[in-house]
Amino acid sequence: MSKTYTVSDGELVLTLEPLSQQDGGGYGVTSPLEPQLVTEAKTIEEAFIMARDAIESLRESRQRYARRIAELAAAEA
């Protein structure tokens, strides 16, 4: 069982799981506050950059999905 670390920069809370050297090293990155966030990073600093990018992508995807649902609902009305 590998150790995990919870880190925060005052805005984001991330869980970092060290990756083995066979997996390329660095960290697997998730967030207890954003269950769909999954990314990888070489450093803790990069983890925050990658997490922000992933959150923005998730936000955009959710907005597209919500617009599509609204369009389908309007078409059925």
PDB file of N, CA and C in Angstrom:
ATOM      1  N   MET A   1       0.849  -1.179   0.000  1.00  0.00           N
ATOM      2  CA  MET A   1       0.000   0.000   0.000  1.00  0.00           C
ATOM      3  C   MET A   1       0.899   1.249   0.000  1.00  0.00           C
ATOM      4  N   SER A   2       0.679   2.114  -0.956  1.00  0.00           N
ATOM      5  CA  SER A   2       1.509   3.311  -1.014  1.00  0.00           C
ATOM      6  C   SER A   2       0.872   4.434  -0.201  1.00  0.00           C
ATOM      7  N   LYS A   3       1.700   5.350   0.199  1.00  0.00           N
ATOM      8  CA  LYS A   3       1.218   6.498   0.965  1.00  0.00           C
ATOM      9  C   LYS A   3       0.549   7.493   0.031  1.00  0.00           C
ATOM     10  N   THR A   4      -0.408   8.206   0.544  1.00  0.00           N
ATOM     11  CA  THR A   4      -0.996   9.326  -0.176  1.00  0.00           C
ATOM     12  C   THR A   4      -0.813  10.565   0.680  1.00  0.00           C
ATOM     13  N   TYR A   5      -0.809  11.709   0.013  1.00  0.00           N
ATOM     14  CA  TYR A   5      -0.607  12.976   0.694  1.00  0.00           C
ATOM     15  C   TYR A   5      -1.730  13.914   0.314  1.00  0.00           C
ATOM     16  N   THR A   6      -2.277  14.605   1.287  1.00  0.00           N
ATOM     17  CA  THR A   6      -3.274  15.630   1.021  1.00  0.00           C
ATOM     18  C   THR A   6      -2.581  16.974   1.136  1.00  0.00           C
ATOM     19  N   VAL A   7      -2.704  17.779   0.074  1.00  0.00           N
ATOM     20  CA  VAL A   7      -2.051  19.087   0.034  1.00  0.00           C
ATOM     21  C   VAL A   7      -3.072  20.135  -0.393  1.00  0.00           C
ATOM     22  N   SER A   8      -2.832  21.369   0.030  1.00  0.00           N
ATOM     23  CA  SER A   8      -3.717  22.469  -0.347  1.00  0.00           C
ATOM     24  C   SER A   8      -2.885  23.719  -0.575  1.00  0.00           C
ATOM     25  N   ASP A   9      -3.352  24.541  -1.513  1.00  0.00           N
ATOM     26  CA  ASP A   9      -2.708  25.835  -1.729  1.00  0.00           C
ATOM     27  C   ASP A   9      -3.604  26.963  -1.227  1.00  0.00           C
ATOM     28  N   GLY A  10      -4.593  26.627  -0.423  1.00  0.00           N
ATOM     29  CA  GLY A  10      -5.538  27.614   0.086  1.00  0.00           C
ATOM     30  C   GLY A  10      -6.794  27.704  -0.762  1.00  0.00           C
ATOM     31  N   GLU A  11      -6.738  27.174  -1.982  1.00  0.00           N
ATOM     32  CA  GLU A  11      -7.900  27.157  -2.872  1.00  0.00           C
ATOM     33  C   GLU A  11      -8.302  25.735  -3.231  1.00  0.00           C
ATOM     34  N   LEU A  12      -7.330  24.944  -3.611  1.00  0.00           N
ATOM     35  CA  LEU A  12      -7.580  23.558  -4.005  1.00  0.00           C
ATOM     36  C   LEU A  12      -7.089  22.606  -2.928  1.00  0.00           C
ATOM     37  N   VAL A  13      -7.779  21.487  -2.800  1.00  0.00           N
ATOM     38  CA  VAL A  13      -7.330  20.392  -1.944  1.00  0.00           C
ATOM     39  C   VAL A  13      -7.088  19.214  -2.871  1.00  0.00           C
ATOM     40  N   LEU A  14      -5.876  18.698  -2.867  1.00  0.00           N
ATOM     41  CA  LEU A  14      -5.511  17.590  -3.743  1.00  0.00           C
ATOM     42  C   LEU A  14      -4.997  16.410  -2.942  1.00  0.00           C
ATOM     43  N   THR A  15      -5.209  15.228  -3.478  1.00  0.00           N
ATOM     44  CA  THR A  15      -4.633  14.013  -2.931  1.00  0.00           C
ATOM     45  C   THR A  15      -3.591  13.541  -3.934  1.00  0.00           C
ATOM     46  N   LEU A  16      -2.364  13.374  -3.472  1.00  0.00           N
ATOM     47  CA  LEU A  16      -1.261  12.940  -4.320  1.00  0.00           C
ATOM     48  C   LEU A  16      -0.855  11.533  -3.936  1.00  0.00           C
ATOM     49  N   GLU A  17      -0.749  10.676  -4.929  1.00  0.00           N
ATOM     50  CA  GLU A  17      -0.270   9.315  -4.697  1.00  0.00           C
ATOM     51  C   GLU A  17       1.003   9.135  -5.517  1.00  0.00           C
ATOM     52  N   PRO A  18       2.124   8.929  -4.858  1.00  0.00           N
ATOM     53  CA  PRO A  18       3.374   8.748  -5.602  1.00  0.00           C
ATOM     54  C   PRO A  18       3.265   7.573  -6.581  1.00  0.00           C
ATOM     55  N   LEU A  19       3.726   7.798  -7.816  1.00  0.00           N
ATOM     56  CA  LEU A  19       3.730   6.749  -8.829  1.00  0.00           C
ATOM     57  C   LEU A  19       5.094   6.079  -8.828  1.00  0.00           C
ATOM     58  N   SER A  20       5.109   4.803  -9.133  1.00  0.00           N
ATOM     59  CA  SER A  20       6.375   4.067  -9.176  1.00  0.00           C
ATOM     60  C   SER A  20       7.222   4.562 -10.345  1.00  0.00           C
ATOM     61  N   GLN A  21       8.501   4.304 -10.270  1.00  0.00           N
ATOM     62  CA  GLN A  21       9.398   4.681 -11.369  1.00  0.00           C
ATOM     63  C   GLN A  21       9.019   3.935 -12.652  1.00  0.00           C
ATOM     64  N   GLN A  22       8.486   2.727 -12.520  1.00  0.00           N
ATOM     65  CA  GLN A  22       8.030   1.987 -13.705  1.00  0.00           C
ATOM     66  C   GLN A  22       6.860   2.699 -14.383  1.00  0.00           C
ATOM     67  N   ASP A  23       6.081   3.445 -13.597  1.00  0.00           N
ATOM     68  CA  ASP A  23       4.952   4.214 -14.139  1.00  0.00           C
ATOM     69  C   ASP A  23       5.369   5.629 -14.525  1.00  0.00           C
ATOM     70  N   GLY A  24       6.651   5.917 -14.454  1.00  0.00           N
ATOM     71  CA  GLY A  24       7.138   7.228 -14.859  1.00  0.00           C
ATOM     72  C   GLY A  24       7.405   8.190 -13.721  1.00  0.00           C
ATOM     73  N   GLY A  25       7.172   7.751 -12.493  1.00  0.00           N
ATOM     74  CA  GLY A  25       7.396   8.621 -11.332  1.00  0.00           C
ATOM     75  C   GLY A  25       6.348   9.715 -11.247  1.00  0.00           C
ATOM     76  N   GLY A  26       6.579  10.664 -10.384  1.00  0.00           N
ATOM     77  CA  GLY A  26       5.622  11.746 -10.179  1.00  0.00           C
ATOM     78  C   GLY A  26       4.476  11.324  -9.285  1.00  0.00           C
ATOM     79  N   TYR A  27       3.304  11.905  -9.546  1.00  0.00           N
ATOM     80  CA  TYR A  27       2.140  11.695  -8.687  1.00  0.00           C
ATOM     81  C   TYR A  27       0.875  11.465  -9.512  1.00  0.00           C
ATOM     82  N   GLY A  28       0.030  10.596  -9.002  1.00  0.00           N
ATOM     83  CA  GLY A  28      -1.349  10.531  -9.452  1.00  0.00           C
ATOM     84  C   GLY A  28      -2.093  11.585  -8.634  1.00  0.00           C
ATOM     85  N   VAL A  29      -2.920  12.387  -9.289  1.00  0.00           N
ATOM     86  CA  VAL A  29      -3.561  13.521  -8.624  1.00  0.00           C
ATOM     87  C   VAL A  29      -5.078  13.372  -8.696  1.00  0.00           C
ATOM     88  N   THR A  30      -5.727  13.448  -7.536  1.00  0.00           N
ATOM     89  CA  THR A  30      -7.185  13.468  -7.446  1.00  0.00           C
ATOM     90  C   THR A  30      -7.566  14.554  -6.441  1.00  0.00           C
ATOM     91  N   SER A  31      -8.863  14.754  -6.272  1.00  0.00           N
ATOM     92  CA  SER A  31      -9.322  15.737  -5.290  1.00  0.00           C
ATOM     93  C   SER A  31     -10.548  15.205  -4.570  1.00  0.00           C
ATOM     94  N   PRO A  32     -10.554  15.285  -3.246  1.00  0.00           N
ATOM     95  CA  PRO A  32     -11.733  14.843  -2.505  1.00  0.00           C
ATOM     96  C   PRO A  32     -12.936  15.746  -2.751  1.00  0.00           C
ATOM     97  N   LEU A  33     -12.703  16.957  -3.226  1.00  0.00           N
ATOM     98  CA  LEU A  33     -13.790  17.907  -3.458  1.00  0.00           C
ATOM     99  C   LEU A  33     -14.287  17.889  -4.899  1.00  0.00           C
ATOM    100  N   GLU A  34     -13.580  17.202  -5.785  1.00  0.00           N
ATOM    101  CA  GLU A  34     -13.954  17.104  -7.198  1.00  0.00           C
ATOM    102  C   GLU A  34     -13.690  15.667  -7.655  1.00  0.00           C
ATOM    103  N   PRO A  35     -14.662  14.761  -7.415  1.00  0.00           N
ATOM    104  CA  PRO A  35     -14.436  13.336  -7.653  1.00  0.00           C
ATOM    105  C   PRO A  35     -14.032  12.966  -9.079  1.00  0.00           C
ATOM    106  N   GLN A  36     -14.395  13.763 -10.060  1.00  0.00           N
ATOM    107  CA  GLN A  36     -14.048  13.437 -11.442  1.00  0.00           C
ATOM    108  C   GLN A  36     -12.648  13.908 -11.833  1.00  0.00           C
ATOM    109  N   LEU A  37     -11.966  14.618 -10.978  1.00  0.00           N
ATOM    110  CA  LEU A  37     -10.627  15.108 -11.272  1.00  0.00           C
ATOM    111  C   LEU A  37      -9.626  13.970 -11.117  1.00  0.00           C
ATOM    112  N   VAL A  38      -8.978  13.632 -12.218  1.00  0.00           N
ATOM    113  CA  VAL A  38      -7.922  12.624 -12.211  1.00  0.00           C
ATOM    114  C   VAL A  38      -6.864  13.089 -13.208  1.00  0.00           C
ATOM    115  N   THR A  39      -5.643  13.257 -12.743  1.00  0.00           N
ATOM    116  CA  THR A  39      -4.554  13.662 -13.625  1.00  0.00           C
ATOM    117  C   THR A  39      -3.242  13.161 -13.034  1.00  0.00           C
ATOM    118  N   GLU A  40      -2.147  13.460 -13.703  1.00  0.00           N
ATOM    119  CA  GLU A  40      -0.817  13.096 -13.219  1.00  0.00           C
ATOM    120  C   GLU A  40       0.085  14.318 -13.305  1.00  0.00           C
ATOM    121  N   ALA A  41       1.123  14.331 -12.472  1.00  0.00           N
ATOM    122  CA  ALA A  41       2.071  15.442 -12.466  1.00  0.00           C
ATOM    123  C   ALA A  41       3.418  14.947 -11.982  1.00  0.00           C
ATOM    124  N   LYS A  42       4.458  15.632 -12.407  1.00  0.00           N
ATOM    125  CA  LYS A  42       5.824  15.279 -11.982  1.00  0.00           C
ATOM    126  C   LYS A  42       6.173  15.875 -10.622  1.00  0.00           C
ATOM    127  N   THR A  43       5.621  17.065 -10.315  1.00  0.00           N
ATOM    128  CA  THR A  43       5.936  17.751  -9.063  1.00  0.00           C
ATOM    129  C   THR A  43       4.646  18.205  -8.393  1.00  0.00           C
ATOM    130  N   ILE A  44       4.758  18.624  -7.148  1.00  0.00           N
ATOM    131  CA  ILE A  44       3.586  19.149  -6.441  1.00  0.00           C
ATOM    132  C   ILE A  44       3.107  20.429  -7.103  1.00  0.00           C
ATOM    133  N   GLU A  45       4.031  21.279  -7.519  1.00  0.00           N
ATOM    134  CA  GLU A  45       3.634  22.519  -8.191  1.00  0.00           C
ATOM    135  C   GLU A  45       2.881  22.221  -9.479  1.00  0.00           C
ATOM    136  N   GLU A  46       3.389  21.267 -10.242  1.00  0.00           N
ATOM    137  CA  GLU A  46       2.714  20.884 -11.485  1.00  0.00           C
ATOM    138  C   GLU A  46       1.351  20.260 -11.186  1.00  0.00           C
ATOM    139  N   ALA A  47       1.215  19.579 -10.048  1.00  0.00           N
ATOM    140  CA  ALA A  47      -0.067  18.979  -9.683  1.00  0.00           C
ATOM    141  C   ALA A  47      -1.166  20.044  -9.601  1.00  0.00           C
ATOM    142  N   PHE A  48      -0.844  21.188  -9.017  1.00  0.00           N
ATOM    143  CA  PHE A  48      -1.831  22.262  -8.930  1.00  0.00           C
ATOM    144  C   PHE A  48      -2.159  22.840 -10.301  1.00  0.00           C
ATOM    145  N   ILE A  49      -1.147  22.975 -11.153  1.00  0.00           N
ATOM    146  CA  ILE A  49      -1.380  23.475 -12.516  1.00  0.00           C
ATOM    147  C   ILE A  49      -2.263  22.497 -13.286  1.00  0.00           C
ATOM    148  N   MET A  50      -1.921  21.224 -13.232  1.00  0.00           N
ATOM    149  CA  MET A  50      -2.687  20.204 -13.946  1.00  0.00           C
ATOM    150  C   MET A  50      -4.108  20.096 -13.392  1.00  0.00           C
ATOM    151  N   ALA A  51      -4.266  20.216 -12.080  1.00  0.00           N
ATOM    152  CA  ALA A  51      -5.589  20.130 -11.466  1.00  0.00           C
ATOM    153  C   ALA A  51      -6.466  21.303 -11.914  1.00  0.00           C
ATOM    154  N   ARG A  52      -5.906  22.495 -11.954  1.00  0.00           N
ATOM    155  CA  ARG A  52      -6.685  23.657 -12.407  1.00  0.00           C
ATOM    156  C   ARG A  52      -7.121  23.480 -13.866  1.00  0.00           C
ATOM    157  N   ASP A  53      -6.228  22.968 -14.690  1.00  0.00           N
ATOM    158  CA  ASP A  53      -6.558  22.719 -16.087  1.00  0.00           C
ATOM    159  C   ASP A  53      -7.665  21.667 -16.191  1.00  0.00           C
ATOM    160  N   ALA A  54      -7.558  20.602 -15.419  1.00  0.00           N
ATOM    161  CA  ALA A  54      -8.571  19.551 -15.440  1.00  0.00           C
ATOM    162  C   ALA A  54      -9.916  20.068 -14.947  1.00  0.00           C
ATOM    163  N   ILE A  55      -9.915  20.888 -13.918  1.00  0.00           N
ATOM    164  CA  ILE A  55     -11.169  21.456 -13.397  1.00  0.00           C
ATOM    165  C   ILE A  55     -11.826  22.340 -14.452  1.00  0.00           C
ATOM    166  N   GLU A  56     -11.031  23.131 -15.154  1.00  0.00           N
ATOM    167  CA  GLU A  56     -11.580  23.982 -16.214  1.00  0.00           C
ATOM    168  C   GLU A  56     -12.187  23.124 -17.327  1.00  0.00           C
ATOM    169  N   SER A  57     -11.522  22.055 -17.690  1.00  0.00           N
ATOM    170  CA  SER A  57     -12.055  21.147 -18.714  1.00  0.00           C
ATOM    171  C   SER A  57     -13.345  20.493 -18.246  1.00  0.00           C
ATOM    172  N   LEU A  58     -13.391  20.074 -16.996  1.00  0.00           N
ATOM    173  CA  LEU A  58     -14.623  19.498 -16.451  1.00  0.00           C
ATOM    174  C   LEU A  58     -15.754  20.515 -16.461  1.00  0.00           C
ATOM    175  N   ARG A  59     -15.458  21.745 -16.074  1.00  0.00           N
ATOM    176  CA  ARG A  59     -16.471  22.811 -16.044  1.00  0.00           C
ATOM    177  C   ARG A  59     -17.041  23.055 -17.451  1.00  0.00           C
ATOM    178  N   GLU A  60     -16.153  23.138 -18.437  1.00  0.00           N
ATOM    179  CA  GLU A  60     -16.597  23.355 -19.814  1.00  0.00           C
ATOM    180  C   GLU A  60     -17.442  22.183 -20.310  1.00  0.00           C
ATOM    181  N   SER A  61     -17.030  20.982 -19.995  1.00  0.00           N
ATOM    182  CA  SER A  61     -17.782  19.795 -20.400  1.00  0.00           C
ATOM    183  C   SER A  61     -19.169  19.778 -19.766  1.00  0.00           C
ATOM    184  N   ARG A  62     -19.246  20.123 -18.499  1.00  0.00           N
ATOM    185  CA  ARG A  62     -20.543  20.163 -17.806  1.00  0.00           C
ATOM    186  C   ARG A  62     -21.451  21.236 -18.400  1.00  0.00           C
ATOM    187  N   GLN A  63     -20.876  22.369 -18.772  1.00  0.00           N
ATOM    188  CA  GLN A  63     -21.680  23.429 -19.384  1.00  0.00           C
ATOM    189  C   GLN A  63     -22.216  22.981 -20.740  1.00  0.00           C
ATOM    190  N   ARG A  64     -21.389  22.325 -21.555  1.00  0.00           N
ATOM    191  CA  ARG A  64     -21.856  21.805 -22.846  1.00  0.00           C
ATOM    192  C   ARG A  64     -22.964  20.785 -22.643  1.00  0.00           C
ATOM    193  N   TYR A  65     -22.796  19.916 -21.668  1.00  0.00           N
ATOM    194  CA  TYR A  65     -23.794  18.895 -21.366  1.00  0.00           C
ATOM    195  C   TYR A  65     -25.107  19.538 -20.927  1.00  0.00           C
ATOM    196  N   ALA A  66     -25.031  20.533 -20.062  1.00  0.00           N
ATOM    197  CA  ALA A  66     -26.240  21.211 -19.584  1.00  0.00           C
ATOM    198  C   ALA A  66     -26.955  21.913 -20.740  1.00  0.00           C
ATOM    199  N   ARG A  67     -26.195  22.559 -21.636  1.00  0.00           N
ATOM    200  CA  ARG A  67     -26.810  23.209 -22.807  1.00  0.00           C
ATOM    201  C   ARG A  67     -27.498  22.181 -23.688  1.00  0.00           C
ATOM    202  N   ARG A  68     -26.863  21.045 -23.894  1.00  0.00           N
ATOM    203  CA  ARG A  68     -27.447  20.001 -24.743  1.00  0.00           C
ATOM    204  C   ARG A  68     -28.723  19.440 -24.124  1.00  0.00           C
ATOM    205  N   ILE A  69     -28.740  19.237 -22.839  1.00  0.00           N
ATOM    206  CA  ILE A  69     -29.942  18.770 -22.147  1.00  0.00           C
ATOM    207  C   ILE A  69     -31.061  19.797 -22.306  1.00  0.00           C
ATOM    208  N   ALA A  70     -30.726  21.074 -22.136  1.00  0.00           N
ATOM    209  CA  ALA A  70     -31.731  22.133 -22.290  1.00  0.00           C
ATOM    210  C   ALA A  70     -32.275  22.147 -23.716  1.00  0.00           C
ATOM    211  N   GLU A  71     -31.404  21.981 -24.707  1.00  0.00           N
ATOM    212  CA  GLU A  71     -31.834  21.944 -26.111  1.00  0.00           C
ATOM    213  C   GLU A  71     -32.777  20.773 -26.364  1.00  0.00           C
ATOM    214  N   LEU A  72     -32.436  19.612 -25.841  1.00  0.00           N
ATOM    215  CA  LEU A  72     -33.292  18.438 -26.026  1.00  0.00           C
ATOM    216  C   LEU A  72     -34.644  18.615 -25.330  1.00  0.00           C
ATOM    217  N   ALA A  73     -34.615  19.196 -24.145  1.00  0.00           N
ATOM    218  CA  ALA A  73     -35.868  19.422 -23.414  1.00  0.00           C
ATOM    219  C   ALA A  73     -36.747  20.412 -24.173  1.00  0.00           C
ATOM    220  N   ALA A  74     -36.142  21.466 -24.732  1.00  0.00           N
ATOM    221  CA  ALA A  74     -36.907  22.452 -25.495  1.00  0.00           C
ATOM    222  C   ALA A  74     -37.482  21.837 -26.761  1.00  0.00           C
ATOM    223  N   ALA A  75     -36.750  20.937 -27.379  1.00  0.00           N
ATOM    224  CA  ALA A  75     -37.223  20.281 -28.605  1.00  0.00           C
ATOM    225  C   ALA A  75     -38.408  19.364 -28.333  1.00  0.00           C
ATOM    226  N   GLU A  76     -38.441  18.788 -27.145  1.00  0.00           N
ATOM    227  CA  GLU A  76     -39.555  17.905 -26.778  1.00  0.00           C
ATOM    228  C   GLU A  76     -40.803  18.668 -26.377  1.00  0.00           C
ATOM    229  N   ALA A  77     -40.651  19.928 -25.990  1.00  0.00           N
ATOM    230  CA  ALA A  77     -41.793  20.719 -25.500  1.00  0.00           C
ATOM    231  C   ALA A  77     -42.705  21.156 -26.619  1.00  0.00           C
TER     232      ALA A  77
END
